[in-house]
Amino acid sequence: MKRTILFSVALLMTAATLVLAGSGMMAAFDWKATTQDLGKIPQNKPVSISYTFTNKGKEPLIVTGARGSCGCTNVTYTKEPIMPGGTGEIKGVYNAAAMGAFNKTISVDSNAEGGTVTLSFKGEVVAAAQ
């Protein structure tokens, strides 16, 4: 009985060590930039935003979702797993319908360490030239 208990404890300690050692092997984002200033944008002229990243981790990076902070931003993203060293992209299109300064965000969910990443962009919508 004593041997069984000792063996079980040793097995659990080995499993815990392997789990902790493997935690540094997750996928990880390396963004070129996480913020963008779009400057002055003519009203009702949609503008595209692009954020590129590299997977600097040891496991495939999988983006599970990306969404804009409002309905004014349409977001698309790389759906295939990004292998270590590979690159991917998050794209947004801001509709520029409302006049004035704006600050918007895109939230990116994935299996990367650190959880949800927030990307941001800002600018000012001005009257379109006639």
Protein backbone atom coordinates (compact mmCIF):
# COMPACT_ATOMS: atom_id res chain seq x y z
CA MET A 1 0.00 0.00 0.00
CA LYS A 2 2.83 2.35 0.89
CA ARG A 3 4.48 1.70 -2.47
CA THR A 4 1.26 2.49 -4.32
CA ILE A 5 0.90 5.82 -2.51
CA LEU A 6 4.54 6.76 -3.11
CA PHE A 7 4.27 5.79 -6.76
CA SER A 8 1.09 7.86 -7.14
CA VAL A 9 2.69 10.92 -5.52
CA ALA A 10 5.77 10.59 -7.73
CA LEU A 11 3.58 10.27 -10.82
CA LEU A 12 1.57 13.38 -9.89
CA MET A 13 4.76 15.39 -9.26
CA THR A 14 6.16 14.32 -12.63
CA ALA A 15 2.93 15.30 -14.38
CA ALA A 16 2.88 18.70 -12.63
CA THR A 17 6.50 19.33 -13.63
CA LEU A 18 5.74 18.50 -17.27
CA VAL A 19 2.71 20.81 -17.31
CA LEU A 20 4.69 23.70 -15.81
CA ALA A 21 7.64 23.13 -18.14
CA GLY A 22 5.32 23.09 -21.16
CA SER A 23 3.62 26.35 -20.25
CA GLY A 24 6.47 28.38 -21.78
CA MET A 25 5.84 26.72 -25.12
CA MET A 26 2.57 28.46 -25.94
CA ALA A 27 1.84 30.52 -29.01
CA ALA A 28 2.73 34.21 -28.66
CA PHE A 29 1.99 37.37 -30.65
CA ASP A 30 4.77 39.66 -31.86
CA TRP A 31 2.93 42.68 -33.34
CA LYS A 32 4.52 45.15 -35.76
CA ALA A 33 2.27 47.79 -34.10
CA THR A 34 -0.85 47.69 -31.92
CA THR A 35 -1.92 51.31 -32.44
CA GLN A 36 -2.47 53.40 -35.57
CA ASP A 37 -3.22 57.07 -36.21
CA LEU A 38 -5.27 57.36 -39.40
CA GLY A 39 -5.16 61.16 -39.47
CA LYS A 40 -7.93 63.07 -41.25
CA ILE A 41 -10.41 60.94 -43.19
CA PRO A 42 -13.08 62.27 -45.59
CA GLN A 43 -16.60 61.52 -44.35
CA ASN A 44 -18.22 58.40 -45.86
CA LYS A 45 -14.91 57.21 -47.40
CA PRO A 46 -14.20 53.89 -45.61
CA VAL A 47 -10.59 53.39 -44.58
CA SER A 48 -8.74 50.07 -44.16
CA ILE A 49 -6.57 49.25 -41.17
CA SER A 50 -4.14 46.33 -41.06
CA TYR A 51 -2.24 44.84 -38.12
CA THR A 52 0.37 42.18 -38.88
CA PHE A 53 1.91 39.80 -36.39
CA THR A 54 4.37 36.93 -36.13
CA ASN A 55 3.93 33.87 -33.94
CA LYS A 56 7.03 33.99 -31.72
CA GLY A 57 5.86 31.03 -29.64
CA LYS A 58 6.56 27.31 -29.94
CA GLU A 59 3.00 26.19 -30.73
CA PRO A 60 0.62 27.07 -33.61
CA LEU A 61 -1.21 30.35 -32.94
CA ILE A 62 -4.96 30.20 -33.57
CA VAL A 63 -7.01 33.41 -33.68
CA THR A 64 -10.47 32.39 -32.48
CA GLY A 65 -12.17 35.75 -32.96
CA ALA A 66 -11.72 39.45 -33.62
CA ARG A 67 -14.34 42.15 -33.20
CA GLY A 68 -14.55 45.92 -33.44
CA SER A 69 -15.66 48.11 -30.54
CA CYS A 70 -18.68 49.27 -32.57
CA GLY A 71 -20.68 48.43 -35.68
CA CYS A 72 -18.68 51.06 -37.58
CA THR A 73 -15.73 48.67 -37.97
CA ASN A 74 -15.86 45.45 -39.98
CA VAL A 75 -13.09 43.02 -38.94
CA THR A 76 -11.53 40.01 -40.70
CA TYR A 77 -8.58 37.88 -39.58
CA THR A 78 -6.34 34.97 -40.53
CA LYS A 79 -8.38 31.86 -39.81
CA GLU A 80 -5.68 29.21 -40.40
CA PRO A 81 -3.28 28.27 -37.58
CA ILE A 82 -0.09 30.33 -37.75
CA MET A 83 2.91 28.09 -37.22
CA PRO A 84 5.87 29.26 -35.09
CA GLY A 85 7.71 31.96 -37.05
CA GLY A 86 4.73 32.40 -39.39
CA THR A 87 2.77 35.61 -39.90
CA GLY A 88 -0.90 36.56 -39.85
CA GLU A 89 -3.06 39.65 -40.17
CA ILE A 90 -6.04 41.37 -38.57
CA LYS A 91 -7.85 43.73 -40.97
CA GLY A 92 -10.48 46.31 -40.20
CA VAL A 93 -12.55 48.67 -42.33
CA TYR A 94 -13.79 51.79 -40.55
CA ASN A 95 -16.86 53.31 -42.25
CA ALA A 96 -16.05 56.98 -41.38
CA ALA A 97 -19.73 57.92 -41.30
CA ALA A 98 -19.76 60.13 -38.19
CA MET A 99 -17.96 63.49 -38.26
CA GLY A 100 -15.35 64.29 -35.62
CA ALA A 101 -12.49 62.68 -33.73
CA PHE A 102 -12.65 58.98 -32.93
CA ASN A 103 -10.78 56.34 -30.93
CA LYS A 104 -11.76 52.72 -31.73
CA THR A 105 -10.50 49.29 -30.77
CA ILE A 106 -10.37 45.76 -32.13
CA SER A 107 -10.31 42.89 -29.62
CA VAL A 108 -8.44 39.73 -30.70
CA ASP A 109 -9.06 36.38 -29.00
CA SER A 110 -6.62 33.50 -29.47
CA ASN A 111 -4.75 30.67 -27.81
CA ALA A 112 -1.69 32.94 -27.32
CA GLU A 113 -0.29 33.64 -23.90
CA GLY A 114 -1.64 36.80 -22.32
CA GLY A 115 -5.27 36.35 -23.35
CA THR A 116 -7.23 38.90 -25.38
CA VAL A 117 -5.20 41.59 -27.17
CA THR A 118 -6.66 45.04 -27.82
CA LEU A 119 -5.60 46.88 -30.97
CA SER A 120 -6.49 50.55 -31.38
CA PHE A 121 -6.81 53.20 -34.06
CA LYS A 122 -7.76 56.86 -34.01
CA GLY A 123 -8.29 59.76 -36.35
CA GLU A 124 -10.70 62.48 -37.34
CA VAL A 125 -13.53 62.33 -39.86
CA VAL A 126 -13.77 65.61 -41.78
CA ALA A 127 -16.17 66.92 -44.43
CA ALA A 128 -15.48 65.41 -47.83
CA ALA A 129 -14.13 67.81 -50.44
CA GLN A 130 -16.80 68.88 -52.93
